[in-house]
Amino acid sequence: MDSRTKRILAPDQLDALLRRALGAGVVSSTELTDGFANAVWRLALDDGREVVLKLSPPPELEQLRYERDLLRTEAMVYGLAPLPGPELLRAGFDDPVLGGDYLILSALDGVSWNHAEPPETGVLWREVGGHLARLHTVTGEVYGYPHAGLTGPTWRSAFLTMVGALLDDARRYDIALPAPAGEIMAAVRSRAGALEEVTSPRLVHFDVWPGNVFLAPGPPNGAPRVQAIIDHERAFWGDPLADFVTPTIFGELRETDEIVAGYREAGGVVPFDEAARLRMACYRLYLGLILLVENGPRQYPEQEYAPLRDNSAASVVRALELLGSPVA
């Protein structure tokens, strides 16, 4: 999707950056437009390699608080996460020529799930569930977003800080929310006791949807398999349960879902008690707020963004109702 945060580089700028970073020039380039925040190109190099370049927004462009140093978060995850994916070839921070950060990754030969021929989705979601269970074995030392300075010694304190930062951003960008910010914060605080069930900061991707899952062909005439899970920039340290929100975005997680089965087969635990129900409502509210507030700095095209905005607002309303704060 078009976004004001996506930088435009001319062919000579791309070539100069790759020569500095990898010592190879650019033969051809294709911008990949599925993402929402960072500019991304697939590049063919004169040494025969194909790579993907991700470039952060201009350093002078103000973003949401949690978005500070997104590519540094992504680079961290590539170094820690036991997930299938591309190889991180180079991470450049505060590039002296272009400004900002960049990542250069090996190119994948598969296709993103949202552009694939309709496969057997149950098998793939079961596979994704297993990958998430393995991801969640990675533990940290603090909760929240360390690169953005939004952290806490407990998941409860970190999550309240994260929600508060988003609501501050909403005020800063004058974003219309489906309920007053004070009511939203009060609803989360009233149910924050459920967050105390989380006693270890686990690595959470928080953006697993078909657009971030790459598929590769299986055996001859076989079903496609998960080749990679990408785009780790929204990752944080927190509750593994939050990683079931984006796969079921604008819907509900059911105990019979294949992603739950795959997660449990890989040794993960997915609770469905009252505390888990309230935590999931908190995380759906948080994601809905992100999708509403990020339009402030990004300024999406209205026609493309309207359906996402409407669904996100409805998701926030449903979450507030589940938290016991009905919206008039």
C-alpha atoms as a PDB file:
ATOM      1  CA  MET A   1       0.000   0.000   0.000  1.00  0.00           C
ATOM      2  CA  ASP A   2       1.200   3.517  -0.712  1.00  0.00           C
ATOM      3  CA  SER A   3       2.430   5.291   2.404  1.00  0.00           C
ATOM      4  CA  ARG A   4       4.162   8.568   3.141  1.00  0.00           C
ATOM      5  CA  THR A   5       6.738   6.586   5.135  1.00  0.00           C
ATOM      6  CA  LYS A   6       8.015   4.731   2.057  1.00  0.00           C
ATOM      7  CA  ARG A   7      11.102   6.360   0.597  1.00  0.00           C
ATOM      8  CA  ILE A   8      11.753   6.599  -3.135  1.00  0.00           C
ATOM      9  CA  LEU A   9      15.246   5.797  -4.365  1.00  0.00           C
ATOM     10  CA  ALA A  10      16.461   6.305  -7.918  1.00  0.00           C
ATOM     11  CA  PRO A  11      18.313   3.438  -9.656  1.00  0.00           C
ATOM     12  CA  ASP A  12      21.677   5.132  -9.134  1.00  0.00           C
ATOM     13  CA  GLN A  13      20.990   5.462  -5.397  1.00  0.00           C
ATOM     14  CA  LEU A  14      20.099   1.785  -5.122  1.00  0.00           C
ATOM     15  CA  ASP A  15      23.250   0.869  -7.022  1.00  0.00           C
ATOM     16  CA  ALA A  16      25.470   3.049  -4.838  1.00  0.00           C
ATOM     17  CA  LEU A  17      23.971   1.622  -1.626  1.00  0.00           C
ATOM     18  CA  LEU A  18      24.468  -1.995  -2.706  1.00  0.00           C
ATOM     19  CA  ARG A  19      28.024  -1.319  -3.843  1.00  0.00           C
ATOM     20  CA  ARG A  20      28.818   0.128  -0.414  1.00  0.00           C
ATOM     21  CA  ALA A  21      27.032  -2.629   1.462  1.00  0.00           C
ATOM     22  CA  LEU A  22      27.812  -5.784  -0.524  1.00  0.00           C
ATOM     23  CA  GLY A  23      30.363  -4.735  -3.133  1.00  0.00           C
ATOM     24  CA  ALA A  24      28.031  -5.545  -6.023  1.00  0.00           C
ATOM     25  CA  GLY A  25      26.043  -3.312  -8.362  1.00  0.00           C
ATOM     26  CA  VAL A  26      22.349  -3.448  -9.196  1.00  0.00           C
ATOM     27  CA  VAL A  27      21.332  -4.891 -12.572  1.00  0.00           C
ATOM     28  CA  SER A  28      17.575  -4.556 -12.121  1.00  0.00           C
ATOM     29  CA  SER A  29      15.148  -3.558  -9.377  1.00  0.00           C
ATOM     30  CA  THR A  30      11.479  -4.130  -8.580  1.00  0.00           C
ATOM     31  CA  GLU A  31       9.711  -2.361  -5.757  1.00  0.00           C
ATOM     32  CA  LEU A  32       7.624  -4.689  -3.584  1.00  0.00           C
ATOM     33  CA  THR A  33       4.505  -2.812  -2.548  1.00  0.00           C
ATOM     34  CA  ASP A  34       2.632  -5.227  -0.251  1.00  0.00           C
ATOM     35  CA  GLY A  35       4.116  -3.784   2.929  1.00  0.00           C
ATOM     36  CA  PHE A  36       2.717  -0.836   4.858  1.00  0.00           C
ATOM     37  CA  ALA A  37       5.700   0.996   6.384  1.00  0.00           C
ATOM     38  CA  ASN A  38       9.168   0.453   4.943  1.00  0.00           C
ATOM     39  CA  ALA A  39      10.178   0.742   1.295  1.00  0.00           C
ATOM     40  CA  VAL A  40      11.209  -2.665  -0.072  1.00  0.00           C
ATOM     41  CA  TRP A  41      12.923  -3.645  -3.330  1.00  0.00           C
ATOM     42  CA  ARG A  42      13.912  -6.940  -4.904  1.00  0.00           C
ATOM     43  CA  LEU A  43      17.269  -6.429  -6.593  1.00  0.00           C
ATOM     44  CA  ALA A  44      19.283  -8.473  -9.070  1.00  0.00           C
ATOM     45  CA  LEU A  45      23.012  -7.898  -8.564  1.00  0.00           C
ATOM     46  CA  ASP A  46      25.853  -8.085 -11.058  1.00  0.00           C
ATOM     47  CA  ASP A  47      27.446 -10.955  -9.130  1.00  0.00           C
ATOM     48  CA  GLY A  48      24.414 -13.164  -9.810  1.00  0.00           C
ATOM     49  CA  ARG A  49      22.709 -12.807  -6.434  1.00  0.00           C
ATOM     50  CA  GLU A  50      19.136 -11.656  -5.855  1.00  0.00           C
ATOM     51  CA  VAL A  51      18.483  -9.776  -2.641  1.00  0.00           C
ATOM     52  CA  VAL A  52      15.777  -7.815  -0.903  1.00  0.00           C
ATOM     53  CA  LEU A  53      16.484  -4.313   0.435  1.00  0.00           C
ATOM     54  CA  LYS A  54      14.362  -2.813   3.201  1.00  0.00           C
ATOM     55  CA  LEU A  55      14.838   0.885   3.887  1.00  0.00           C
ATOM     56  CA  SER A  56      13.478   2.723   6.896  1.00  0.00           C
ATOM     57  CA  PRO A  57      11.417   5.909   6.537  1.00  0.00           C
ATOM     58  CA  PRO A  58      13.298   9.214   6.366  1.00  0.00           C
ATOM     59  CA  PRO A  59      14.846   9.936   9.765  1.00  0.00           C
ATOM     60  CA  GLU A  60      13.119  13.323   9.916  1.00  0.00           C
ATOM     61  CA  LEU A  61       9.653  11.749   9.512  1.00  0.00           C
ATOM     62  CA  GLU A  62       8.011  11.348  12.897  1.00  0.00           C
ATOM     63  CA  GLN A  63       6.417   7.944  13.451  1.00  0.00           C
ATOM     64  CA  LEU A  64       4.460   6.216  16.178  1.00  0.00           C
ATOM     65  CA  ARG A  65       6.411   5.724  19.389  1.00  0.00           C
ATOM     66  CA  TYR A  66       6.509   1.954  19.131  1.00  0.00           C
ATOM     67  CA  GLU A  67       7.852   2.253  15.563  1.00  0.00           C
ATOM     68  CA  ARG A  68      11.166   3.746  16.658  1.00  0.00           C
ATOM     69  CA  ASP A  69      14.035   1.739  15.113  1.00  0.00           C
ATOM     70  CA  LEU A  70      11.746  -0.891  13.577  1.00  0.00           C
ATOM     71  CA  LEU A  71      14.470  -2.343  11.376  1.00  0.00           C
ATOM     72  CA  ARG A  72      16.757  -2.740  14.369  1.00  0.00           C
ATOM     73  CA  THR A  73      14.043  -4.837  15.991  1.00  0.00           C
ATOM     74  CA  GLU A  74      13.768  -6.907  12.823  1.00  0.00           C
ATOM     75  CA  ALA A  75      17.529  -7.435  12.671  1.00  0.00           C
ATOM     76  CA  MET A  76      17.476  -8.572  16.309  1.00  0.00           C
ATOM     77  CA  VAL A  77      14.779 -11.137  15.545  1.00  0.00           C
ATOM     78  CA  TYR A  78      16.698 -12.527  12.575  1.00  0.00           C
ATOM     79  CA  GLY A  79      19.557 -13.164  14.968  1.00  0.00           C
ATOM     80  CA  LEU A  80      17.425 -14.860  17.619  1.00  0.00           C
ATOM     81  CA  ALA A  81      14.354 -16.491  16.124  1.00  0.00           C
ATOM     82  CA  PRO A  82      14.233 -20.185  15.173  1.00  0.00           C
ATOM     83  CA  LEU A  83      12.003 -19.370  12.202  1.00  0.00           C
ATOM     84  CA  PRO A  84      12.404 -20.342   8.555  1.00  0.00           C
ATOM     85  CA  GLY A  85      13.297 -17.313   6.497  1.00  0.00           C
ATOM     86  CA  PRO A  86      15.833 -15.429   4.429  1.00  0.00           C
ATOM     87  CA  GLU A  87      19.407 -14.815   5.493  1.00  0.00           C
ATOM     88  CA  LEU A  88      20.208 -11.371   6.852  1.00  0.00           C
ATOM     89  CA  LEU A  89      23.181 -10.367   4.686  1.00  0.00           C
ATOM     90  CA  ARG A  90      23.772  -6.858   6.007  1.00  0.00           C
ATOM     91  CA  ALA A  91      22.207  -4.486   8.523  1.00  0.00           C
ATOM     92  CA  GLY A  92      23.139  -0.833   8.185  1.00  0.00           C
ATOM     93  CA  PHE A  93      22.125   1.643  10.856  1.00  0.00           C
ATOM     94  CA  ASP A  94      22.244   5.438  10.495  1.00  0.00           C
ATOM     95  CA  ASP A  95      23.584   5.156   6.958  1.00  0.00           C
ATOM     96  CA  PRO A  96      25.758   8.248   6.415  1.00  0.00           C
ATOM     97  CA  VAL A  97      24.694   8.765   2.792  1.00  0.00           C
ATOM     98  CA  LEU A  98      20.956   8.085   2.741  1.00  0.00           C
ATOM     99  CA  GLY A  99      20.224   8.475   6.440  1.00  0.00           C
ATOM    100  CA  GLY A 100      18.198   5.948   8.419  1.00  0.00           C
ATOM    101  CA  ASP A 101      18.552   2.184   8.582  1.00  0.00           C
ATOM    102  CA  TYR A 102      18.461  -0.604   6.026  1.00  0.00           C
ATOM    103  CA  LEU A 103      18.468  -4.402   5.891  1.00  0.00           C
ATOM    104  CA  ILE A 104      19.647  -6.540   2.985  1.00  0.00           C
ATOM    105  CA  LEU A 105      18.237 -10.066   2.907  1.00  0.00           C
ATOM    106  CA  SER A 106      18.627 -13.033   0.601  1.00  0.00           C
ATOM    107  CA  ALA A 107      15.697 -13.211  -1.818  1.00  0.00           C
ATOM    108  CA  LEU A 108      13.169 -16.021  -1.452  1.00  0.00           C
ATOM    109  CA  ASP A 109      12.100 -18.115  -4.428  1.00  0.00           C
ATOM    110  CA  GLY A 110       8.649 -18.846  -3.031  1.00  0.00           C
ATOM    111  CA  VAL A 111       5.490 -16.759  -3.153  1.00  0.00           C
ATOM    112  CA  SER A 112       3.649 -14.965  -0.380  1.00  0.00           C
ATOM    113  CA  TRP A 113       0.622 -16.915   0.776  1.00  0.00           C
ATOM    114  CA  ASN A 114      -1.800 -14.103  -0.086  1.00  0.00           C
ATOM    115  CA  HIS A 115      -0.646 -14.290  -3.732  1.00  0.00           C
ATOM    116  CA  ALA A 116      -0.570 -18.078  -4.008  1.00  0.00           C
ATOM    117  CA  GLU A 117      -3.109 -20.345  -5.641  1.00  0.00           C
ATOM    118  CA  PRO A 118      -5.593 -21.306  -2.911  1.00  0.00           C
ATOM    119  CA  PRO A 119      -3.819 -24.135  -1.039  1.00  0.00           C
ATOM    120  CA  GLU A 120      -5.124 -26.365   1.724  1.00  0.00           C
ATOM    121  CA  THR A 121      -5.117 -23.708   4.404  1.00  0.00           C
ATOM    122  CA  GLY A 122      -5.587 -26.026   7.375  1.00  0.00           C
ATOM    123  CA  VAL A 123      -2.286 -27.813   6.770  1.00  0.00           C
ATOM    124  CA  LEU A 124      -0.442 -24.515   6.404  1.00  0.00           C
ATOM    125  CA  TRP A 125      -1.931 -22.966   9.535  1.00  0.00           C
ATOM    126  CA  ARG A 126      -0.961 -26.096  11.465  1.00  0.00           C
ATOM    127  CA  GLU A 127       2.593 -25.649  10.186  1.00  0.00           C
ATOM    128  CA  VAL A 128       2.565 -21.950  11.152  1.00  0.00           C
ATOM    129  CA  GLY A 129       1.401 -22.918  14.628  1.00  0.00           C
ATOM    130  CA  GLY A 130       4.419 -25.162  15.051  1.00  0.00           C
ATOM    131  CA  HIS A 131       6.771 -22.393  13.972  1.00  0.00           C
ATOM    132  CA  LEU A 132       5.189 -19.987  16.468  1.00  0.00           C
ATOM    133  CA  ALA A 133       5.578 -22.499  19.288  1.00  0.00           C
ATOM    134  CA  ARG A 134       9.293 -22.702  18.535  1.00  0.00           C
ATOM    135  CA  LEU A 135       9.576 -18.908  18.304  1.00  0.00           C
ATOM    136  CA  HIS A 136       8.023 -18.548  21.731  1.00  0.00           C
ATOM    137  CA  THR A 137      10.772 -20.598  23.347  1.00  0.00           C
ATOM    138  CA  VAL A 138      13.023 -17.525  22.949  1.00  0.00           C
ATOM    139  CA  THR A 139      13.004 -15.490  26.163  1.00  0.00           C
ATOM    140  CA  GLY A 140      14.184 -11.984  26.946  1.00  0.00           C
ATOM    141  CA  GLU A 141      15.105  -9.903  29.956  1.00  0.00           C
ATOM    142  CA  VAL A 142      12.426  -7.215  29.755  1.00  0.00           C
ATOM    143  CA  TYR A 143       8.872  -6.881  28.486  1.00  0.00           C
ATOM    144  CA  GLY A 144       7.778  -4.628  25.630  1.00  0.00           C
ATOM    145  CA  TYR A 145       9.751  -2.842  22.903  1.00  0.00           C
ATOM    146  CA  PRO A 146      13.357  -2.270  24.076  1.00  0.00           C
ATOM    147  CA  HIS A 147      14.387  -0.345  20.940  1.00  0.00           C
ATOM    148  CA  ALA A 148      11.458   2.043  21.355  1.00  0.00           C
ATOM    149  CA  GLY A 149      11.929   2.511  25.092  1.00  0.00           C
ATOM    150  CA  LEU A 150       8.456   1.108  25.815  1.00  0.00           C
ATOM    151  CA  THR A 151       9.246  -1.533  28.407  1.00  0.00           C
ATOM    152  CA  GLY A 152       8.357  -2.679  31.878  1.00  0.00           C
ATOM    153  CA  PRO A 153       9.517  -5.158  34.518  1.00  0.00           C
ATOM    154  CA  THR A 154       6.193  -7.024  34.193  1.00  0.00           C
ATOM    155  CA  TRP A 155       3.980  -7.752  31.207  1.00  0.00           C
ATOM    156  CA  ARG A 156       1.183  -5.780  32.844  1.00  0.00           C
ATOM    157  CA  SER A 157       3.300  -2.642  33.221  1.00  0.00           C
ATOM    158  CA  ALA A 158       4.811  -2.951  29.735  1.00  0.00           C
ATOM    159  CA  PHE A 159       1.476  -3.515  28.008  1.00  0.00           C
ATOM    160  CA  LEU A 160      -0.153  -0.555  29.755  1.00  0.00           C
ATOM    161  CA  THR A 161       2.824   1.550  28.633  1.00  0.00           C
ATOM    162  CA  MET A 162       2.404   0.289  25.053  1.00  0.00           C
ATOM    163  CA  VAL A 163      -1.322   1.099  24.976  1.00  0.00           C
ATOM    164  CA  GLY A 164      -0.725   4.485  26.581  1.00  0.00           C
ATOM    165  CA  ALA A 165       1.879   5.349  23.933  1.00  0.00           C
ATOM    166  CA  LEU A 166      -0.573   4.508  21.139  1.00  0.00           C
ATOM    167  CA  LEU A 167      -3.286   6.651  22.699  1.00  0.00           C
ATOM    168  CA  ASP A 168      -0.789   9.510  23.013  1.00  0.00           C
ATOM    169  CA  ASP A 169      -0.005   9.062  19.315  1.00  0.00           C
ATOM    170  CA  ALA A 170      -3.715   9.153  18.512  1.00  0.00           C
ATOM    171  CA  ARG A 171      -3.990  12.535  20.235  1.00  0.00           C
ATOM    172  CA  ARG A 172      -0.834  13.796  18.538  1.00  0.00           C
ATOM    173  CA  TYR A 173      -2.149  12.929  15.068  1.00  0.00           C
ATOM    174  CA  ASP A 174      -5.766  13.789  15.887  1.00  0.00           C
ATOM    175  CA  ILE A 175      -6.999  10.285  15.019  1.00  0.00           C
ATOM    176  CA  ALA A 176     -10.710   9.651  15.496  1.00  0.00           C
ATOM    177  CA  LEU A 177     -11.125   6.601  17.738  1.00  0.00           C
ATOM    178  CA  PRO A 178     -14.369   4.647  18.265  1.00  0.00           C
ATOM    179  CA  ALA A 179     -14.287   5.541  21.984  1.00  0.00           C
ATOM    180  CA  PRO A 180     -12.588   8.243  24.066  1.00  0.00           C
ATOM    181  CA  ALA A 181      -8.943   7.524  24.835  1.00  0.00           C
ATOM    182  CA  GLY A 182      -9.583   7.734  28.561  1.00  0.00           C
ATOM    183  CA  GLU A 183     -12.316   5.105  28.341  1.00  0.00           C
ATOM    184  CA  ILE A 184     -10.082   2.790  26.330  1.00  0.00           C
ATOM    185  CA  MET A 185      -7.259   3.081  28.849  1.00  0.00           C
ATOM    186  CA  ALA A 186      -9.643   2.573  31.761  1.00  0.00           C
ATOM    187  CA  ALA A 187     -11.054  -0.586  30.153  1.00  0.00           C
ATOM    188  CA  VAL A 188      -7.581  -2.080  29.747  1.00  0.00           C
ATOM    189  CA  ARG A 189      -6.555  -1.109  33.272  1.00  0.00           C
ATOM    190  CA  SER A 190      -9.715  -2.677  34.707  1.00  0.00           C
ATOM    191  CA  ARG A 191      -8.776  -6.053  33.205  1.00  0.00           C
ATOM    192  CA  ALA A 192      -5.002  -5.759  33.523  1.00  0.00           C
ATOM    193  CA  GLY A 193      -4.957  -8.372  36.279  1.00  0.00           C
ATOM    194  CA  ALA A 194      -5.308 -11.016  33.552  1.00  0.00           C
ATOM    195  CA  LEU A 195      -1.952  -9.882  32.150  1.00  0.00           C
ATOM    196  CA  GLU A 196      -0.263 -11.002  35.359  1.00  0.00           C
ATOM    197  CA  GLU A 197      -0.690 -14.600  34.169  1.00  0.00           C
ATOM    198  CA  VAL A 198       2.341 -13.914  31.924  1.00  0.00           C
ATOM    199  CA  THR A 199       5.515 -14.501  33.926  1.00  0.00           C
ATOM    200  CA  SER A 200       8.232 -14.738  31.250  1.00  0.00           C
ATOM    201  CA  PRO A 201       8.957 -12.320  28.371  1.00  0.00           C
ATOM    202  CA  ARG A 202       8.666 -14.398  25.202  1.00  0.00           C
ATOM    203  CA  LEU A 203       9.539 -13.238  21.689  1.00  0.00           C
ATOM    204  CA  VAL A 204       6.276 -12.386  19.908  1.00  0.00           C
ATOM    205  CA  HIS A 205       6.108 -11.698  16.152  1.00  0.00           C
ATOM    206  CA  PHE A 206       2.684  -9.973  16.231  1.00  0.00           C
ATOM    207  CA  ASP A 207       2.356  -9.737  12.446  1.00  0.00           C
ATOM    208  CA  VAL A 208       1.813 -13.287  11.196  1.00  0.00           C
ATOM    209  CA  TRP A 209      -0.734 -13.105   8.383  1.00  0.00           C
ATOM    210  CA  PRO A 210      -0.664 -14.680   4.878  1.00  0.00           C
ATOM    211  CA  GLY A 211       1.198 -11.698   3.423  1.00  0.00           C
ATOM    212  CA  ASN A 212       4.110 -12.433   5.772  1.00  0.00           C
ATOM    213  CA  VAL A 213       4.164 -16.177   5.138  1.00  0.00           C
ATOM    214  CA  PHE A 214       6.046 -17.420   2.063  1.00  0.00           C
ATOM    215  CA  LEU A 215       5.190 -20.758   0.495  1.00  0.00           C
ATOM    216  CA  ALA A 216       7.389 -23.121  -1.465  1.00  0.00           C
ATOM    217  CA  PRO A 217       6.269 -26.121  -3.513  1.00  0.00           C
ATOM    218  CA  GLY A 218       6.248 -29.424  -1.684  1.00  0.00           C
ATOM    219  CA  PRO A 219       7.354 -32.718  -3.261  1.00  0.00           C
ATOM    220  CA  PRO A 220       6.425 -33.232  -6.931  1.00  0.00           C
ATOM    221  CA  ASN A 221       2.699 -32.620  -7.237  1.00  0.00           C
ATOM    222  CA  GLY A 222       2.646 -32.114  -3.488  1.00  0.00           C
ATOM    223  CA  ALA A 223       1.020 -29.389  -1.433  1.00  0.00           C
ATOM    224  CA  PRO A 224       2.954 -26.170  -0.762  1.00  0.00           C
ATOM    225  CA  ARG A 225       4.816 -25.811   2.502  1.00  0.00           C
ATOM    226  CA  VAL A 226       5.821 -22.829   4.608  1.00  0.00           C
ATOM    227  CA  GLN A 227       9.149 -21.552   3.296  1.00  0.00           C
ATOM    228  CA  ALA A 228       9.523 -18.476   5.484  1.00  0.00           C
ATOM    229  CA  ILE A 229       7.887 -16.184   8.000  1.00  0.00           C
ATOM    230  CA  ILE A 230       9.073 -12.627   7.383  1.00  0.00           C
ATOM    231  CA  ASP A 231       8.698  -8.999   8.515  1.00  0.00           C
ATOM    232  CA  HIS A 232       9.649  -9.178  12.186  1.00  0.00           C
ATOM    233  CA  GLU A 233       9.659  -5.421  12.727  1.00  0.00           C
ATOM    234  CA  ARG A 234       6.546  -5.346  14.958  1.00  0.00           C
ATOM    235  CA  ALA A 235       8.003  -7.953  17.336  1.00  0.00           C
ATOM    236  CA  PHE A 236       8.035  -7.426  21.088  1.00  0.00           C
ATOM    237  CA  TRP A 237       8.750  -9.334  24.276  1.00  0.00           C
ATOM    238  CA  GLY A 238       5.541 -10.414  25.948  1.00  0.00           C
ATOM    239  CA  ASP A 239       2.681 -12.892  25.887  1.00  0.00           C
ATOM    240  CA  PRO A 240       2.774 -15.679  23.260  1.00  0.00           C
ATOM    241  CA  LEU A 241      -1.027 -15.600  23.165  1.00  0.00           C
ATOM    242  CA  ALA A 242      -0.779 -12.259  21.338  1.00  0.00           C
ATOM    243  CA  ASP A 243       0.603 -14.076  18.285  1.00  0.00           C
ATOM    244  CA  PHE A 244      -2.811 -15.609  17.630  1.00  0.00           C
ATOM    245  CA  VAL A 245      -4.394 -12.202  16.977  1.00  0.00           C
ATOM    246  CA  THR A 246      -3.094 -11.419  13.495  1.00  0.00           C
ATOM    247  CA  PRO A 247      -3.687 -14.939  12.097  1.00  0.00           C
ATOM    248  CA  THR A 248      -7.343 -14.529  13.148  1.00  0.00           C
ATOM    249  CA  ILE A 249      -7.581 -10.781  12.528  1.00  0.00           C
ATOM    250  CA  PHE A 250     -11.136  -9.400  12.776  1.00  0.00           C
ATOM    251  CA  GLY A 251     -12.299 -12.850  13.863  1.00  0.00           C
ATOM    252  CA  GLU A 252     -11.994 -15.178  16.847  1.00  0.00           C
ATOM    253  CA  LEU A 253      -9.539 -17.868  17.883  1.00  0.00           C
ATOM    254  CA  ARG A 254     -11.198 -21.265  18.385  1.00  0.00           C
ATOM    255  CA  GLU A 255      -9.749 -24.249  20.165  1.00  0.00           C
ATOM    256  CA  THR A 256     -10.466 -26.342  17.056  1.00  0.00           C
ATOM    257  CA  ASP A 257      -8.365 -24.099  14.791  1.00  0.00           C
ATOM    258  CA  GLU A 258      -5.485 -25.803  12.975  1.00  0.00           C
ATOM    259  CA  ILE A 259      -2.997 -23.176  14.165  1.00  0.00           C
ATOM    260  CA  VAL A 260      -3.804 -24.196  17.754  1.00  0.00           C
ATOM    261  CA  ALA A 261      -3.344 -27.867  16.914  1.00  0.00           C
ATOM    262  CA  GLY A 262       0.032 -27.210  15.299  1.00  0.00           C
ATOM    263  CA  TYR A 263       1.139 -25.063  18.229  1.00  0.00           C
ATOM    264  CA  ARG A 264       0.228 -27.757  20.745  1.00  0.00           C
ATOM    265  CA  GLU A 265       1.848 -30.516  18.665  1.00  0.00           C
ATOM    266  CA  ALA A 266       5.104 -28.539  18.856  1.00  0.00           C
ATOM    267  CA  GLY A 267       4.870 -28.334  22.644  1.00  0.00           C
ATOM    268  CA  GLY A 268       3.167 -24.958  23.056  1.00  0.00           C
ATOM    269  CA  VAL A 269       0.334 -24.220  25.462  1.00  0.00           C
ATOM    270  CA  VAL A 270      -2.753 -22.287  24.324  1.00  0.00           C
ATOM    271  CA  PRO A 271      -5.150 -21.500  27.177  1.00  0.00           C
ATOM    272  CA  PHE A 272      -8.839 -20.771  26.643  1.00  0.00           C
ATOM    273  CA  ASP A 273      -9.848 -19.815  30.187  1.00  0.00           C
ATOM    274  CA  GLU A 274     -11.348 -16.494  31.273  1.00  0.00           C
ATOM    275  CA  ALA A 275      -7.984 -14.818  31.795  1.00  0.00           C
ATOM    276  CA  ALA A 276      -6.916 -15.851  28.278  1.00  0.00           C
ATOM    277  CA  ARG A 277     -10.174 -14.497  26.850  1.00  0.00           C
ATOM    278  CA  LEU A 278      -9.529 -11.116  28.459  1.00  0.00           C
ATOM    279  CA  ARG A 279      -5.904 -11.072  27.333  1.00  0.00           C
ATOM    280  CA  MET A 280      -6.934 -11.809  23.752  1.00  0.00           C
ATOM    281  CA  ALA A 281      -9.443  -8.949  23.920  1.00  0.00           C
ATOM    282  CA  CYS A 282      -6.641  -6.644  25.094  1.00  0.00           C
ATOM    283  CA  TYR A 283      -4.423  -7.705  22.197  1.00  0.00           C
ATOM    284  CA  ARG A 284      -7.193  -7.344  19.611  1.00  0.00           C
ATOM    285  CA  LEU A 285      -7.846  -3.865  20.945  1.00  0.00           C
ATOM    286  CA  TYR A 286      -4.141  -3.054  20.721  1.00  0.00           C
ATOM    287  CA  LEU A 287      -3.854  -4.251  17.125  1.00  0.00           C
ATOM    288  CA  GLY A 288      -7.005  -2.360  16.159  1.00  0.00           C
ATOM    289  CA  LEU A 289      -5.545   0.805  17.647  1.00  0.00           C
ATOM    290  CA  ILE A 290      -2.287   0.324  15.739  1.00  0.00           C
ATOM    291  CA  LEU A 291      -4.150   0.015  12.433  1.00  0.00           C
ATOM    292  CA  LEU A 292      -6.150   3.153  13.174  1.00  0.00           C
ATOM    293  CA  VAL A 293      -3.382   5.350  14.556  1.00  0.00           C
ATOM    294  CA  GLU A 294      -0.648   4.449  12.049  1.00  0.00           C
ATOM    295  CA  ASN A 295      -2.553   6.325   9.352  1.00  0.00           C
ATOM    296  CA  GLY A 296      -1.438   9.518  11.102  1.00  0.00           C
ATOM    297  CA  PRO A 297       2.157   9.435   9.872  1.00  0.00           C
ATOM    298  CA  ARG A 298       1.558   7.171   6.872  1.00  0.00           C
ATOM    299  CA  GLN A 299      -1.403   8.907   5.207  1.00  0.00           C
ATOM    300  CA  TYR A 300      -2.711   5.929   3.252  1.00  0.00           C
ATOM    301  CA  PRO A 301      -4.808   6.486   0.108  1.00  0.00           C
ATOM    302  CA  GLU A 302      -8.365   6.889   1.376  1.00  0.00           C
ATOM    303  CA  GLN A 303     -10.040   4.401  -0.958  1.00  0.00           C
ATOM    304  CA  GLU A 304      -7.558   1.634  -0.119  1.00  0.00           C
ATOM    305  CA  TYR A 305      -7.477   2.364   3.592  1.00  0.00           C
ATOM    306  CA  ALA A 306     -11.217   2.797   4.295  1.00  0.00           C
ATOM    307  CA  PRO A 307     -12.072  -0.938   4.626  1.00  0.00           C
ATOM    308  CA  LEU A 308      -9.120  -1.538   6.943  1.00  0.00           C
ATOM    309  CA  ARG A 309     -10.045   1.486   9.040  1.00  0.00           C
ATOM    310  CA  ASP A 310     -13.672   0.368   9.348  1.00  0.00           C
ATOM    311  CA  ASN A 311     -12.748  -3.198  10.303  1.00  0.00           C
ATOM    312  CA  SER A 312     -10.189  -1.955  12.810  1.00  0.00           C
ATOM    313  CA  ALA A 313     -12.667   0.397  14.461  1.00  0.00           C
ATOM    314  CA  ALA A 314     -15.217  -2.416  14.722  1.00  0.00           C
ATOM    315  CA  SER A 315     -12.551  -4.663  16.251  1.00  0.00           C
ATOM    316  CA  VAL A 316     -11.773  -2.057  18.913  1.00  0.00           C
ATOM    317  CA  VAL A 317     -15.481  -1.780  19.736  1.00  0.00           C
ATOM    318  CA  ARG A 318     -15.858  -5.565  20.087  1.00  0.00           C
ATOM    319  CA  ALA A 319     -12.775  -5.734  22.291  1.00  0.00           C
ATOM    320  CA  LEU A 320     -14.105  -3.011  24.572  1.00  0.00           C
ATOM    321  CA  GLU A 321     -17.374  -4.880  24.891  1.00  0.00           C
ATOM    322  CA  LEU A 322     -15.504  -8.052  25.853  1.00  0.00           C
ATOM    323  CA  LEU A 323     -13.530  -6.084  28.416  1.00  0.00           C
ATOM    324  CA  GLY A 324     -16.778  -4.855  29.918  1.00  0.00           C
ATOM    325  CA  SER A 325     -16.749  -1.327  28.539  1.00  0.00           C
ATOM    326  CA  PRO A 326     -19.642  -1.161  26.037  1.00  0.00           C
ATOM    327  CA  VAL A 327     -19.484   1.603  23.429  1.00  0.00           C
ATOM    328  CA  ALA A 328     -22.590   3.698  22.918  1.00  0.00           C
END
